[in-house]
Amino acid sequence: MAHSEALDPDSDLFQPELLPVDFDDEAFAEYVAEYGWGDPDA
């Protein structure tokens, strides 16, 4: 992603313009409740 193109095709930016991310905290909590945090020795 470090070399992504800007959202504006006429832009000369070398930094990617990333869209905001909405995390589903409830889904993450359900996953952790069901599967745990994984094997810490892996």
PDB file of N, CA and C in Angstrom:
ATOM      1  N   MET A   1       0.816  -1.192   0.000  1.00  0.00           N
ATOM      2  CA  MET A   1       0.000   0.000   0.000  1.00  0.00           C
ATOM      3  C   MET A   1       0.865   1.264   0.000  1.00  0.00           C
ATOM      4  N   ALA A   2       2.115   1.135   0.278  1.00  0.00           N
ATOM      5  CA  ALA A   2       2.969   2.317   0.347  1.00  0.00           C
ATOM      6  C   ALA A   2       3.093   3.009  -1.003  1.00  0.00           C
ATOM      7  N   HIS A   3       2.840   2.299  -2.071  1.00  0.00           N
ATOM      8  CA  HIS A   3       2.978   2.882  -3.404  1.00  0.00           C
ATOM      9  C   HIS A   3       1.640   3.004  -4.116  1.00  0.00           C
ATOM     10  N   SER A   4       0.564   3.124  -3.347  1.00  0.00           N
ATOM     11  CA  SER A   4      -0.759   3.265  -3.945  1.00  0.00           C
ATOM     12  C   SER A   4      -0.884   4.609  -4.644  1.00  0.00           C
ATOM     13  N   GLU A   5      -1.774   4.651  -5.588  1.00  0.00           N
ATOM     14  CA  GLU A   5      -2.034   5.902  -6.283  1.00  0.00           C
ATOM     15  C   GLU A   5      -3.040   6.723  -5.494  1.00  0.00           C
ATOM     16  N   ALA A   6      -2.995   8.012  -5.663  1.00  0.00           N
ATOM     17  CA  ALA A   6      -3.936   8.909  -5.009  1.00  0.00           C
ATOM     18  C   ALA A   6      -5.330   8.711  -5.601  1.00  0.00           C
ATOM     19  N   LEU A   7      -6.334   9.105  -4.864  1.00  0.00           N
ATOM     20  CA  LEU A   7      -7.706   8.986  -5.341  1.00  0.00           C
ATOM     21  C   LEU A   7      -7.963   9.916  -6.525  1.00  0.00           C
ATOM     22  N   ASP A   8      -7.321  11.059  -6.532  1.00  0.00           N
ATOM     23  CA  ASP A   8      -7.455  12.031  -7.617  1.00  0.00           C
ATOM     24  C   ASP A   8      -6.465  11.653  -8.729  1.00  0.00           C
ATOM     25  N   PRO A   9      -6.948  11.283  -9.913  1.00  0.00           N
ATOM     26  CA  PRO A   9      -6.036  10.831 -10.974  1.00  0.00           C
ATOM     27  C   PRO A   9      -5.069  11.911 -11.454  1.00  0.00           C
ATOM     28  N   ASP A  10      -5.381  13.184 -11.230  1.00  0.00           N
ATOM     29  CA  ASP A  10      -4.507  14.271 -11.667  1.00  0.00           C
ATOM     30  C   ASP A  10      -3.512  14.684 -10.592  1.00  0.00           C
ATOM     31  N   SER A  11      -3.555  14.038  -9.444  1.00  0.00           N
ATOM     32  CA  SER A  11      -2.683  14.382  -8.334  1.00  0.00           C
ATOM     33  C   SER A  11      -1.292  13.809  -8.558  1.00  0.00           C
ATOM     34  N   ASP A  12      -0.273  14.537  -8.098  1.00  0.00           N
ATOM     35  CA  ASP A  12       1.109  14.060  -8.181  1.00  0.00           C
ATOM     36  C   ASP A  12       1.630  13.643  -6.808  1.00  0.00           C
ATOM     37  N   LEU A  13       0.744  13.278  -5.905  1.00  0.00           N
ATOM     38  CA  LEU A  13       1.156  12.869  -4.564  1.00  0.00           C
ATOM     39  C   LEU A  13       1.779  11.477  -4.603  1.00  0.00           C
ATOM     40  N   PHE A  14       2.793  11.280  -3.781  1.00  0.00           N
ATOM     41  CA  PHE A  14       3.409   9.971  -3.659  1.00  0.00           C
ATOM     42  C   PHE A  14       2.956   9.253  -2.398  1.00  0.00           C
ATOM     43  N   GLN A  15       2.083   9.879  -1.617  1.00  0.00           N
ATOM     44  CA  GLN A  15       1.535   9.262  -0.417  1.00  0.00           C
ATOM     45  C   GLN A  15       0.122   8.791  -0.738  1.00  0.00           C
ATOM     46  N   PRO A  16      -0.224   7.578  -0.323  1.00  0.00           N
ATOM     47  CA  PRO A  16      -1.574   7.081  -0.630  1.00  0.00           C
ATOM     48  C   PRO A  16      -2.639   7.834   0.159  1.00  0.00           C
ATOM     49  N   GLU A  17      -3.777   8.034  -0.450  1.00  0.00           N
ATOM     50  CA  GLU A  17      -4.923   8.620   0.229  1.00  0.00           C
ATOM     51  C   GLU A  17      -5.817   7.463   0.661  1.00  0.00           C
ATOM     52  N   LEU A  18      -5.720   7.093   1.928  1.00  0.00           N
ATOM     53  CA  LEU A  18      -6.459   5.948   2.420  1.00  0.00           C
ATOM     54  C   LEU A  18      -7.829   6.378   2.924  1.00  0.00           C
ATOM     55  N   LEU A  19      -8.806   5.548   2.678  1.00  0.00           N
ATOM     56  CA  LEU A  19     -10.153   5.820   3.160  1.00  0.00           C
ATOM     57  C   LEU A  19     -10.263   5.426   4.619  1.00  0.00           C
ATOM     58  N   PRO A  20     -11.135   6.076   5.380  1.00  0.00           N
ATOM     59  CA  PRO A  20     -11.312   5.703   6.778  1.00  0.00           C
ATOM     60  C   PRO A  20     -11.884   4.288   6.891  1.00  0.00           C
ATOM     61  N   VAL A  21     -11.536   3.618   7.968  1.00  0.00           N
ATOM     62  CA  VAL A  21     -11.965   2.241   8.183  1.00  0.00           C
ATOM     63  C   VAL A  21     -12.888   2.193   9.395  1.00  0.00           C
ATOM     64  N   ASP A  22     -14.012   1.517   9.244  1.00  0.00           N
ATOM     65  CA  ASP A  22     -14.922   1.296  10.360  1.00  0.00           C
ATOM     66  C   ASP A  22     -14.766  -0.146  10.802  1.00  0.00           C
ATOM     67  N   PHE A  23     -14.253  -0.344  12.024  1.00  0.00           N
ATOM     68  CA  PHE A  23     -14.093  -1.680  12.557  1.00  0.00           C
ATOM     69  C   PHE A  23     -15.382  -2.111  13.231  1.00  0.00           C
ATOM     70  N   ASP A  24     -15.729  -3.371  13.073  1.00  0.00           N
ATOM     71  CA  ASP A  24     -16.910  -3.941  13.711  1.00  0.00           C
ATOM     72  C   ASP A  24     -16.476  -4.520  15.057  1.00  0.00           C
ATOM     73  N   ASP A  25     -16.449  -3.666  16.086  1.00  0.00           N
ATOM     74  CA  ASP A  25     -15.972  -4.080  17.401  1.00  0.00           C
ATOM     75  C   ASP A  25     -16.787  -5.236  17.970  1.00  0.00           C
ATOM     76  N   GLU A  26     -18.070  -5.251  17.706  1.00  0.00           N
ATOM     77  CA  GLU A  26     -18.925  -6.329  18.208  1.00  0.00           C
ATOM     78  C   GLU A  26     -18.529  -7.668  17.580  1.00  0.00           C
ATOM     79  N   ALA A  27     -18.250  -7.666  16.291  1.00  0.00           N
ATOM     80  CA  ALA A  27     -17.844  -8.899  15.617  1.00  0.00           C
ATOM     81  C   ALA A  27     -16.488  -9.381  16.135  1.00  0.00           C
ATOM     82  N   PHE A  28     -15.551  -8.458  16.376  1.00  0.00           N
ATOM     83  CA  PHE A  28     -14.261  -8.834  16.941  1.00  0.00           C
ATOM     84  C   PHE A  28     -14.443  -9.445  18.328  1.00  0.00           C
ATOM     85  N   ALA A  29     -15.292  -8.845  19.150  1.00  0.00           N
ATOM     86  CA  ALA A  29     -15.539  -9.356  20.499  1.00  0.00           C
ATOM     87  C   ALA A  29     -16.157 -10.755  20.445  1.00  0.00           C
ATOM     88  N   GLU A  30     -17.085 -10.976  19.526  1.00  0.00           N
ATOM     89  CA  GLU A  30     -17.694 -12.299  19.382  1.00  0.00           C
ATOM     90  C   GLU A  30     -16.651 -13.332  18.945  1.00  0.00           C
ATOM     91  N   TYR A  31     -15.779 -12.960  18.037  1.00  0.00           N
ATOM     92  CA  TYR A  31     -14.740 -13.881  17.564  1.00  0.00           C
ATOM     93  C   TYR A  31     -13.805 -14.262  18.707  1.00  0.00           C
ATOM     94  N   VAL A  32     -13.347 -13.267  19.458  1.00  0.00           N
ATOM     95  CA  VAL A  32     -12.428 -13.532  20.559  1.00  0.00           C
ATOM     96  C   VAL A  32     -13.116 -14.373  21.634  1.00  0.00           C
ATOM     97  N   ALA A  33     -14.387 -14.124  21.891  1.00  0.00           N
ATOM     98  CA  ALA A  33     -15.121 -14.910  22.879  1.00  0.00           C
ATOM     99  C   ALA A  33     -15.221 -16.372  22.437  1.00  0.00           C
ATOM    100  N   GLU A  34     -15.369 -16.597  21.147  1.00  0.00           N
ATOM    101  CA  GLU A  34     -15.533 -17.956  20.640  1.00  0.00           C
ATOM    102  C   GLU A  34     -14.200 -18.684  20.443  1.00  0.00           C
ATOM    103  N   TYR A  35     -13.203 -17.979  19.880  1.00  0.00           N
ATOM    104  CA  TYR A  35     -11.946 -18.628  19.508  1.00  0.00           C
ATOM    105  C   TYR A  35     -10.758 -18.238  20.377  1.00  0.00           C
ATOM    106  N   GLY A  36     -10.880 -17.222  21.197  1.00  0.00           N
ATOM    107  CA  GLY A  36      -9.772 -16.784  22.027  1.00  0.00           C
ATOM    108  C   GLY A  36      -8.758 -15.981  21.222  1.00  0.00           C
ATOM    109  N   TRP A  37      -7.579 -15.764  21.816  1.00  0.00           N
ATOM    110  CA  TRP A  37      -6.544 -14.952  21.190  1.00  0.00           C
ATOM    111  C   TRP A  37      -5.570 -15.790  20.384  1.00  0.00           C
ATOM    112  N   GLY A  38      -5.753 -17.081  20.316  1.00  0.00           N
ATOM    113  CA  GLY A  38      -4.843 -17.927  19.550  1.00  0.00           C
ATOM    114  C   GLY A  38      -3.752 -18.493  20.449  1.00  0.00           C
ATOM    115  N   ASP A  39      -2.867 -19.261  19.851  1.00  0.00           N
ATOM    116  CA  ASP A  39      -1.787 -19.914  20.570  1.00  0.00           C
ATOM    117  C   ASP A  39      -0.618 -18.945  20.707  1.00  0.00           C
ATOM    118  N   PRO A  40      -0.270 -18.532  21.929  1.00  0.00           N
ATOM    119  CA  PRO A  40       0.828 -17.574  22.089  1.00  0.00           C
ATOM    120  C   PRO A  40       2.190 -18.160  21.741  1.00  0.00           C
ATOM    121  N   ASP A  41       2.294 -19.492  21.665  1.00  0.00           N
ATOM    122  CA  ASP A  41       3.577 -20.135  21.322  1.00  0.00           C
ATOM    123  C   ASP A  41       3.732 -20.387  19.837  1.00  0.00           C
ATOM    124  N   ALA A  42       2.730 -20.005  19.052  1.00  0.00           N
ATOM    125  CA  ALA A  42       2.781 -20.260  17.602  1.00  0.00           C
ATOM    126  C   ALA A  42       3.663 -19.265  16.895  1.00  0.00           C
TER     127      ALA A  42
END
